[in-house]
Protein backbone atom coordinates (compact mmCIF):
# COMPACT_ATOMS: atom_id res chain seq x y z
CA MET A 1 0.00 0.00 0.00
CA THR A 2 1.37 3.41 -1.02
CA SER A 3 0.72 6.52 1.03
CA ASN A 4 0.63 10.02 -0.40
CA PHE A 5 2.72 12.62 1.41
CA SER A 6 2.60 16.39 0.94
CA ALA A 7 4.09 19.59 2.30
CA GLN A 8 3.31 23.25 1.75
CA ILE A 9 5.72 26.16 2.14
CA ILE A 10 4.60 29.80 2.29
CA VAL A 11 7.30 32.43 1.71
CA ASP A 12 6.88 36.16 2.34
CA ALA A 13 10.08 38.09 1.66
CA ASN A 14 8.45 41.50 1.18
CA LYS A 15 10.00 43.25 -1.85
CA LYS A 16 12.19 40.24 -2.61
CA THR A 17 9.32 37.75 -2.99
CA LYS A 18 8.98 38.05 -6.79
CA ALA A 19 12.74 37.73 -7.38
CA ILE A 20 12.90 34.63 -5.17
CA PHE A 21 9.91 33.15 -6.99
CA ASP A 22 11.56 33.71 -10.38
CA SER A 23 14.72 32.01 -9.15
CA ILE A 24 13.14 28.89 -7.68
CA ASN A 25 10.51 28.51 -10.39
CA THR A 26 13.17 28.61 -13.12
CA ASP A 27 15.28 26.05 -11.29
CA ASP A 28 12.35 23.63 -11.04
CA LYS A 29 11.79 23.73 -14.82
CA PHE A 30 15.28 22.33 -15.40
CA TYR A 31 14.63 19.19 -13.34
CA PRO A 32 12.08 17.20 -15.39
CA GLU A 33 13.02 13.89 -13.75
CA ASN A 34 11.90 15.20 -10.33
CA PRO A 35 10.27 12.26 -8.50
CA THR A 36 7.92 14.65 -6.70
CA LYS A 37 5.06 16.80 -7.94
CA THR A 38 6.05 20.39 -7.15
CA ASN A 39 3.74 23.35 -7.73
CA PHE A 40 4.82 27.00 -7.39
CA LYS A 41 2.32 29.88 -7.18
CA ILE A 42 2.73 33.54 -6.36
CA ASN A 43 0.27 36.16 -5.26
CA LYS A 44 1.61 38.43 -2.52
CA LYS A 45 3.43 35.39 -1.10
CA ILE A 46 5.00 32.33 -2.67
CA SER A 47 3.08 29.11 -2.14
CA ILE A 48 4.92 25.88 -2.83
CA THR A 49 3.20 22.51 -2.66
CA ILE A 50 5.23 19.32 -2.86
CA GLU A 51 3.63 15.87 -3.19
CA SER A 52 5.18 12.42 -3.40
CA ASP A 53 4.32 8.78 -2.88
CA HIS A 54 7.64 8.31 -1.07
CA LEU A 55 8.54 10.21 2.09
CA PRO A 56 12.31 10.29 1.39
CA HIS A 57 11.65 11.94 -1.99
CA LEU A 58 9.38 14.51 -0.34
CA ARG A 59 11.96 15.23 2.35
CA ALA A 60 14.78 15.61 -0.18
CA ASN A 61 12.78 17.98 -2.38
CA LEU A 62 11.62 19.97 0.63
CA ASN A 63 15.20 20.38 1.89
CA SER A 64 16.46 21.37 -1.58
CA THR A 65 13.67 23.88 -2.04
CA LEU A 66 14.28 25.48 1.35
CA ARG A 67 18.03 25.72 0.64
CA LEU A 68 17.33 27.28 -2.76
CA ILE A 69 14.98 29.84 -1.19
CA GLN A 70 17.63 30.73 1.39
CA ALA A 71 20.37 30.99 -1.25
CA SER A 72 18.17 33.20 -3.43
CA TYR A 73 17.32 35.45 -0.50
CA ASP A 74 20.96 35.73 0.57
CA THR A 75 22.12 36.49 -2.97
CA ILE A 76 19.49 39.21 -3.44
CA ASN A 77 20.46 40.72 -0.09
CA SER A 78 24.14 40.77 -1.03
CA VAL A 79 23.50 42.93 -4.11
CA ASP A 80 20.86 45.12 -2.43
CA ASP A 81 23.27 46.53 0.14
């Protein structure tokens, strides 16, 4: 029996939200063999939903996505100063 796992991330980085979204959304398009279903949306905040039938795949994608968000935020901050 296979279970379905999911996680949702909400990101609000004020003025940097759109730039972060563009960065992570572009990165996801270059990973077609992704074993998870990942959905990115933006309104005033970024909403990321990750689904997988395997918990290790979900965890790996979640960790990668969070690291990418942090790297994007840090990079934007470094050029904003």
